Amino acid sequence: MKCPLLAIACAASQLPIEKLTDDCLKEECAWWHGREAECSISSLARDIKVIKSSLYAIEAKTPYGQKGAH
């Protein structure tokens, strides 16, 4: 798997992503999650999307009068 952090850096600096040669497994990257067999950065992005969707669902069920009440 090519590093998603390096891909973001390439996009920001307008370098072609094809120039990426680092591989998560080969480089023994600290972000590689062996048990899940995926990059932690990629899984974090997915998890944040799930949390965001859950929060929107909760907000949709909250009556306007109680919004923000503790």
PDB file of N, CA and C in Angstrom:
ATOM      1  N   MET A   1       0.855  -1.183   0.000  1.00  0.00           N
ATOM      2  CA  MET A   1       0.000   0.000   0.000  1.00  0.00           C
ATOM      3  C   MET A   1       0.890   1.232   0.000  1.00  0.00           C
ATOM      4  N   LYS A   2       0.567   2.167  -0.845  1.00  0.00           N
ATOM      5  CA  LYS A   2       1.301   3.424  -0.887  1.00  0.00           C
ATOM      6  C   LYS A   2       0.823   4.314   0.253  1.00  0.00           C
ATOM      7  N   CYS A   3       1.727   5.064   0.818  1.00  0.00           N
ATOM      8  CA  CYS A   3       1.453   5.870   1.999  1.00  0.00           C
ATOM      9  C   CYS A   3       0.444   6.985   1.708  1.00  0.00           C
ATOM     10  N   PRO A   4      -0.707   7.015   2.457  1.00  0.00           N
ATOM     11  CA  PRO A   4      -1.678   8.074   2.232  1.00  0.00           C
ATOM     12  C   PRO A   4      -1.164   9.444   2.659  1.00  0.00           C
ATOM     13  N   LEU A   5      -0.282   9.488   3.660  1.00  0.00           N
ATOM     14  CA  LEU A   5       0.280  10.780   4.068  1.00  0.00           C
ATOM     15  C   LEU A   5       1.172  11.358   2.983  1.00  0.00           C
ATOM     16  N   LEU A   6       1.972  10.501   2.358  1.00  0.00           N
ATOM     17  CA  LEU A   6       2.807  10.975   1.258  1.00  0.00           C
ATOM     18  C   LEU A   6       1.962  11.370   0.049  1.00  0.00           C
ATOM     19  N   ALA A   7       0.864  10.661  -0.165  1.00  0.00           N
ATOM     20  CA  ALA A   7      -0.036  11.021  -1.270  1.00  0.00           C
ATOM     21  C   ALA A   7      -0.620  12.410  -1.049  1.00  0.00           C
ATOM     22  N   ILE A   8      -0.985  12.715   0.198  1.00  0.00           N
ATOM     23  CA  ILE A   8      -1.507  14.046   0.524  1.00  0.00           C
ATOM     24  C   ILE A   8      -0.424  15.100   0.291  1.00  0.00           C
ATOM     25  N   ALA A   9       0.802  14.781   0.709  1.00  0.00           N
ATOM     26  CA  ALA A   9       1.918  15.717   0.511  1.00  0.00           C
ATOM     27  C   ALA A   9       2.184  15.943  -0.977  1.00  0.00           C
ATOM     28  N   CYS A  10       2.101  14.886  -1.761  1.00  0.00           N
ATOM     29  CA  CYS A  10       2.296  15.025  -3.211  1.00  0.00           C
ATOM     30  C   CYS A  10       1.223  15.916  -3.817  1.00  0.00           C
ATOM     31  N   ALA A  11      -0.005  15.713  -3.402  1.00  0.00           N
ATOM     32  CA  ALA A  11      -1.104  16.528  -3.929  1.00  0.00           C
ATOM     33  C   ALA A  11      -0.924  17.990  -3.543  1.00  0.00           C
ATOM     34  N   ALA A  12      -0.507  18.229  -2.298  1.00  0.00           N
ATOM     35  CA  ALA A  12      -0.322  19.603  -1.826  1.00  0.00           C
ATOM     36  C   ALA A  12       0.816  20.302  -2.559  1.00  0.00           C
ATOM     37  N   SER A  13       1.851  19.552  -2.895  1.00  0.00           N
ATOM     38  CA  SER A  13       3.000  20.154  -3.572  1.00  0.00           C
ATOM     39  C   SER A  13       2.935  19.984  -5.091  1.00  0.00           C
ATOM     40  N   GLN A  14       1.830  19.448  -5.576  1.00  0.00           N
ATOM     41  CA  GLN A  14       1.560  19.257  -6.993  1.00  0.00           C
ATOM     42  C   GLN A  14       2.563  18.319  -7.666  1.00  0.00           C
ATOM     43  N   LEU A  15       3.060  17.337  -6.907  1.00  0.00           N
ATOM     44  CA  LEU A  15       3.918  16.313  -7.480  1.00  0.00           C
ATOM     45  C   LEU A  15       3.050  15.136  -7.916  1.00  0.00           C
ATOM     46  N   PRO A  16       3.429  14.439  -8.968  1.00  0.00           N
ATOM     47  CA  PRO A  16       2.632  13.276  -9.392  1.00  0.00           C
ATOM     48  C   PRO A  16       2.711  12.148  -8.368  1.00  0.00           C
ATOM     49  N   ILE A  17       1.569  11.579  -8.046  1.00  0.00           N
ATOM     50  CA  ILE A  17       1.507  10.502  -7.062  1.00  0.00           C
ATOM     51  C   ILE A  17       2.285   9.283  -7.553  1.00  0.00           C
ATOM     52  N   GLU A  18       2.449   9.142  -8.851  1.00  0.00           N
ATOM     53  CA  GLU A  18       3.191   8.010  -9.395  1.00  0.00           C
ATOM     54  C   GLU A  18       4.638   7.985  -8.894  1.00  0.00           C
ATOM     55  N   LYS A  19       5.122   9.116  -8.404  1.00  0.00           N
ATOM     56  CA  LYS A  19       6.500   9.200  -7.905  1.00  0.00           C
ATOM     57  C   LYS A  19       6.664   8.505  -6.553  1.00  0.00           C
ATOM     58  N   LEU A  20       5.558   8.165  -5.892  1.00  0.00           N
ATOM     59  CA  LEU A  20       5.637   7.505  -4.586  1.00  0.00           C
ATOM     60  C   LEU A  20       6.229   6.111  -4.736  1.00  0.00           C
ATOM     61  N   THR A  21       7.244   5.830  -3.951  1.00  0.00           N
ATOM     62  CA  THR A  21       7.850   4.504  -3.990  1.00  0.00           C
ATOM     63  C   THR A  21       7.769   3.818  -2.632  1.00  0.00           C
ATOM     64  N   ASP A  22       7.434   4.554  -1.591  1.00  0.00           N
ATOM     65  CA  ASP A  22       7.383   3.980  -0.250  1.00  0.00           C
ATOM     66  C   ASP A  22       6.172   3.076  -0.094  1.00  0.00           C
ATOM     67  N   ASP A  23       6.412   1.919   0.435  1.00  0.00           N
ATOM     68  CA  ASP A  23       5.365   0.947   0.682  1.00  0.00           C
ATOM     69  C   ASP A  23       5.281   0.726   2.193  1.00  0.00           C
ATOM     70  N   CYS A  24       4.071   0.786   2.743  1.00  0.00           N
ATOM     71  CA  CYS A  24       3.875   0.695   4.189  1.00  0.00           C
ATOM     72  C   CYS A  24       4.503  -0.554   4.792  1.00  0.00           C
ATOM     73  N   LEU A  25       4.275  -1.702   4.174  1.00  0.00           N
ATOM     74  CA  LEU A  25       4.806  -2.956   4.708  1.00  0.00           C
ATOM     75  C   LEU A  25       6.323  -3.041   4.566  1.00  0.00           C
ATOM     76  N   LYS A  26       6.817  -2.699   3.397  1.00  0.00           N
ATOM     77  CA  LYS A  26       8.245  -2.804   3.136  1.00  0.00           C
ATOM     78  C   LYS A  26       9.044  -1.857   4.040  1.00  0.00           C
ATOM     79  N   GLU A  27       8.525  -0.673   4.236  1.00  0.00           N
ATOM     80  CA  GLU A  27       9.206   0.336   5.036  1.00  0.00           C
ATOM     81  C   GLU A  27       8.973   0.158   6.531  1.00  0.00           C
ATOM     82  N   GLU A  28       8.121  -0.805   6.920  1.00  0.00           N
ATOM     83  CA  GLU A  28       7.752  -1.028   8.314  1.00  0.00           C
ATOM     84  C   GLU A  28       7.281   0.279   8.969  1.00  0.00           C
ATOM     85  N   CYS A  29       6.385   0.919   8.298  1.00  0.00           N
ATOM     86  CA  CYS A  29       5.853   2.215   8.723  1.00  0.00           C
ATOM     87  C   CYS A  29       5.177   2.121  10.094  1.00  0.00           C
ATOM     88  N   ALA A  30       5.394   3.129  10.913  1.00  0.00           N
ATOM     89  CA  ALA A  30       4.800   3.174  12.255  1.00  0.00           C
ATOM     90  C   ALA A  30       3.276   3.301  12.198  1.00  0.00           C
ATOM     91  N   TRP A  31       2.746   3.784  11.082  1.00  0.00           N
ATOM     92  CA  TRP A  31       1.304   3.960  10.950  1.00  0.00           C
ATOM     93  C   TRP A  31       0.612   2.674  10.496  1.00  0.00           C
ATOM     94  N   TRP A  32       1.374   1.644  10.120  1.00  0.00           N
ATOM     95  CA  TRP A  32       0.781   0.398   9.641  1.00  0.00           C
ATOM     96  C   TRP A  32       0.225  -0.387  10.817  1.00  0.00           C
ATOM     97  N   HIS A  33      -1.054  -0.760  10.715  1.00  0.00           N
ATOM     98  CA  HIS A  33      -1.724  -1.522  11.768  1.00  0.00           C
ATOM     99  C   HIS A  33      -1.758  -2.976  11.324  1.00  0.00           C
ATOM    100  N   GLY A  34      -0.848  -3.770  11.875  1.00  0.00           N
ATOM    101  CA  GLY A  34      -0.690  -5.155  11.434  1.00  0.00           C
ATOM    102  C   GLY A  34      -1.920  -6.015  11.642  1.00  0.00           C
ATOM    103  N   ARG A  35      -2.580  -5.895  12.800  1.00  0.00           N
ATOM    104  CA  ARG A  35      -3.744  -6.735  13.078  1.00  0.00           C
ATOM    105  C   ARG A  35      -4.883  -6.447  12.102  1.00  0.00           C
ATOM    106  N   GLU A  36      -5.071  -5.188  11.771  1.00  0.00           N
ATOM    107  CA  GLU A  36      -6.126  -4.801  10.829  1.00  0.00           C
ATOM    108  C   GLU A  36      -5.661  -4.870   9.380  1.00  0.00           C
ATOM    109  N   ALA A  37      -4.381  -5.011   9.186  1.00  0.00           N
ATOM    110  CA  ALA A  37      -3.764  -5.071   7.849  1.00  0.00           C
ATOM    111  C   ALA A  37      -4.137  -3.866   6.995  1.00  0.00           C
ATOM    112  N   GLU A  38      -4.008  -2.692   7.602  1.00  0.00           N
ATOM    113  CA  GLU A  38      -4.251  -1.450   6.862  1.00  0.00           C
ATOM    114  C   GLU A  38      -3.546  -0.286   7.531  1.00  0.00           C
ATOM    115  N   CYS A  39      -3.482   0.797   6.846  1.00  0.00           N
ATOM    116  CA  CYS A  39      -2.865   2.016   7.364  1.00  0.00           C
ATOM    117  C   CYS A  39      -3.799   2.662   8.395  1.00  0.00           C
ATOM    118  N   SER A  40      -3.233   3.041   9.532  1.00  0.00           N
ATOM    119  CA  SER A  40      -4.044   3.673  10.578  1.00  0.00           C
ATOM    120  C   SER A  40      -4.644   4.997  10.111  1.00  0.00           C
ATOM    121  N   ILE A  41      -3.939   5.716   9.261  1.00  0.00           N
ATOM    122  CA  ILE A  41      -4.456   6.991   8.745  1.00  0.00           C
ATOM    123  C   ILE A  41      -5.725   6.744   7.927  1.00  0.00           C
ATOM    124  N   SER A  42      -5.707   5.731   7.083  1.00  0.00           N
ATOM    125  CA  SER A  42      -6.885   5.408   6.278  1.00  0.00           C
ATOM    126  C   SER A  42      -8.057   4.986   7.155  1.00  0.00           C
ATOM    127  N   SER A  43      -7.784   4.167   8.177  1.00  0.00           N
ATOM    128  CA  SER A  43      -8.875   3.719   9.040  1.00  0.00           C
ATOM    129  C   SER A  43      -9.395   4.859   9.906  1.00  0.00           C
ATOM    130  N   LEU A  44      -8.524   5.781  10.304  1.00  0.00           N
ATOM    131  CA  LEU A  44      -8.978   6.947  11.072  1.00  0.00           C
ATOM    132  C   LEU A  44      -9.948   7.795  10.252  1.00  0.00           C
ATOM    133  N   ALA A  45      -9.629   7.997   8.993  1.00  0.00           N
ATOM    134  CA  ALA A  45     -10.510   8.782   8.128  1.00  0.00           C
ATOM    135  C   ALA A  45     -11.885   8.133   8.026  1.00  0.00           C
ATOM    136  N   ARG A  46     -11.910   6.830   7.878  1.00  0.00           N
ATOM    137  CA  ARG A  46     -13.183   6.108   7.798  1.00  0.00           C
ATOM    138  C   ARG A  46     -13.942   6.210   9.122  1.00  0.00           C
ATOM    139  N   ASP A  47     -13.234   6.045  10.237  1.00  0.00           N
ATOM    140  CA  ASP A  47     -13.873   6.130  11.551  1.00  0.00           C
ATOM    141  C   ASP A  47     -14.454   7.512  11.812  1.00  0.00           C
ATOM    142  N   ILE A  48     -13.746   8.550  11.398  1.00  0.00           N
ATOM    143  CA  ILE A  48     -14.245   9.919  11.585  1.00  0.00           C
ATOM    144  C   ILE A  48     -15.527  10.130  10.785  1.00  0.00           C
ATOM    145  N   LYS A  49     -15.610   9.578   9.589  1.00  0.00           N
ATOM    146  CA  LYS A  49     -16.833   9.693   8.789  1.00  0.00           C
ATOM    147  C   LYS A  49     -18.010   9.011   9.488  1.00  0.00           C
ATOM    148  N   VAL A  50     -17.760   7.853  10.115  1.00  0.00           N
ATOM    149  CA  VAL A  50     -18.817   7.139  10.838  1.00  0.00           C
ATOM    150  C   VAL A  50     -19.275   7.961  12.036  1.00  0.00           C
ATOM    151  N   ILE A  51     -18.333   8.526  12.766  1.00  0.00           N
ATOM    152  CA  ILE A  51     -18.675   9.360  13.930  1.00  0.00           C
ATOM    153  C   ILE A  51     -19.474  10.584  13.487  1.00  0.00           C
ATOM    154  N   LYS A  52     -19.064  11.196  12.398  1.00  0.00           N
ATOM    155  CA  LYS A  52     -19.767  12.361  11.867  1.00  0.00           C
ATOM    156  C   LYS A  52     -21.211  12.006  11.517  1.00  0.00           C
ATOM    157  N   SER A  53     -21.403  10.888  10.846  1.00  0.00           N
ATOM    158  CA  SER A  53     -22.756  10.455  10.487  1.00  0.00           C
ATOM    159  C   SER A  53     -23.594  10.193  11.737  1.00  0.00           C
ATOM    160  N   SER A  54     -22.987   9.576  12.742  1.00  0.00           N
ATOM    161  CA  SER A  54     -23.704   9.289  13.992  1.00  0.00           C
ATOM    162  C   SER A  54     -24.110  10.576  14.691  1.00  0.00           C
ATOM    163  N   LEU A  55     -23.223  11.558  14.708  1.00  0.00           N
ATOM    164  CA  LEU A  55     -23.544  12.836  15.349  1.00  0.00           C
ATOM    165  C   LEU A  55     -24.665  13.574  14.617  1.00  0.00           C
ATOM    166  N   TYR A  56     -24.650  13.510  13.294  1.00  0.00           N
ATOM    167  CA  TYR A  56     -25.744  14.120  12.527  1.00  0.00           C
ATOM    168  C   TYR A  56     -27.068  13.423  12.823  1.00  0.00           C
ATOM    169  N   ALA A  57     -27.057  12.112  12.972  1.00  0.00           N
ATOM    170  CA  ALA A  57     -28.277  11.369  13.287  1.00  0.00           C
ATOM    171  C   ALA A  57     -28.801  11.752  14.668  1.00  0.00           C
ATOM    172  N   ILE A  58     -27.901  11.904  15.625  1.00  0.00           N
ATOM    173  CA  ILE A  58     -28.305  12.323  16.973  1.00  0.00           C
ATOM    174  C   ILE A  58     -28.876  13.732  16.934  1.00  0.00           C
ATOM    175  N   GLU A  59     -28.209  14.615  16.212  1.00  0.00           N
ATOM    176  CA  GLU A  59     -28.688  15.999  16.109  1.00  0.00           C
ATOM    177  C   GLU A  59     -30.079  16.054  15.479  1.00  0.00           C
ATOM    178  N   ALA A  60     -30.315  15.207  14.484  1.00  0.00           N
ATOM    179  CA  ALA A  60     -31.610  15.199  13.804  1.00  0.00           C
ATOM    180  C   ALA A  60     -32.741  14.776  14.748  1.00  0.00           C
ATOM    181  N   LYS A  61     -32.419  13.968  15.751  1.00  0.00           N
ATOM    182  CA  LYS A  61     -33.422  13.491  16.700  1.00  0.00           C
ATOM    183  C   LYS A  61     -33.613  14.434  17.887  1.00  0.00           C
ATOM    184  N   THR A  62     -32.742  15.422  18.022  1.00  0.00           N
ATOM    185  CA  THR A  62     -32.804  16.346  19.159  1.00  0.00           C
ATOM    186  C   THR A  62     -33.828  17.444  18.882  1.00  0.00           C
ATOM    187  N   PRO A  63     -34.798  17.627  19.785  1.00  0.00           N
ATOM    188  CA  PRO A  63     -35.747  18.733  19.616  1.00  0.00           C
ATOM    189  C   PRO A  63     -35.005  20.072  19.685  1.00  0.00           C
ATOM    190  N   TYR A  64     -35.446  21.029  18.927  1.00  0.00           N
ATOM    191  CA  TYR A  64     -34.763  22.309  18.881  1.00  0.00           C
ATOM    192  C   TYR A  64     -34.691  22.981  20.246  1.00  0.00           C
ATOM    193  N   GLY A  65     -35.702  22.813  21.055  1.00  0.00           N
ATOM    194  CA  GLY A  65     -35.716  23.439  22.376  1.00  0.00           C
ATOM    195  C   GLY A  65     -34.678  22.878  23.328  1.00  0.00           C
ATOM    196  N   GLN A  66     -34.227  21.659  23.097  1.00  0.00           N
ATOM    197  CA  GLN A  66     -33.272  21.015  23.985  1.00  0.00           C
ATOM    198  C   GLN A  66     -31.856  20.984  23.391  1.00  0.00           C
ATOM    199  N   LYS A  67     -31.702  21.562  22.246  1.00  0.00           N
ATOM    200  CA  LYS A  67     -30.408  21.530  21.578  1.00  0.00           C
ATOM    201  C   LYS A  67     -29.363  22.246  22.434  1.00  0.00           C
ATOM    202  N   GLY A  68     -28.324  21.541  22.775  1.00  0.00           N
ATOM    203  CA  GLY A  68     -27.259  22.120  23.569  1.00  0.00           C
ATOM    204  C   GLY A  68     -27.528  22.116  25.062  1.00  0.00           C
ATOM    205  N   ALA A  69     -28.703  21.660  25.500  1.00  0.00           N
ATOM    206  CA  ALA A  69     -29.022  21.617  26.930  1.00  0.00           C
ATOM    207  C   ALA A  69     -28.251  20.487  27.586  1.00  0.00           C
ATOM    208  N   HIS A  70     -27.909  20.696  28.832  1.00  0.00           N
ATOM    209  CA  HIS A  70     -27.163  19.662  29.577  1.00  0.00           C
ATOM    210  C   HIS A  70     -28.060  18.997  30.587  1.00  0.00           C
TER     211      HIS A  70
END
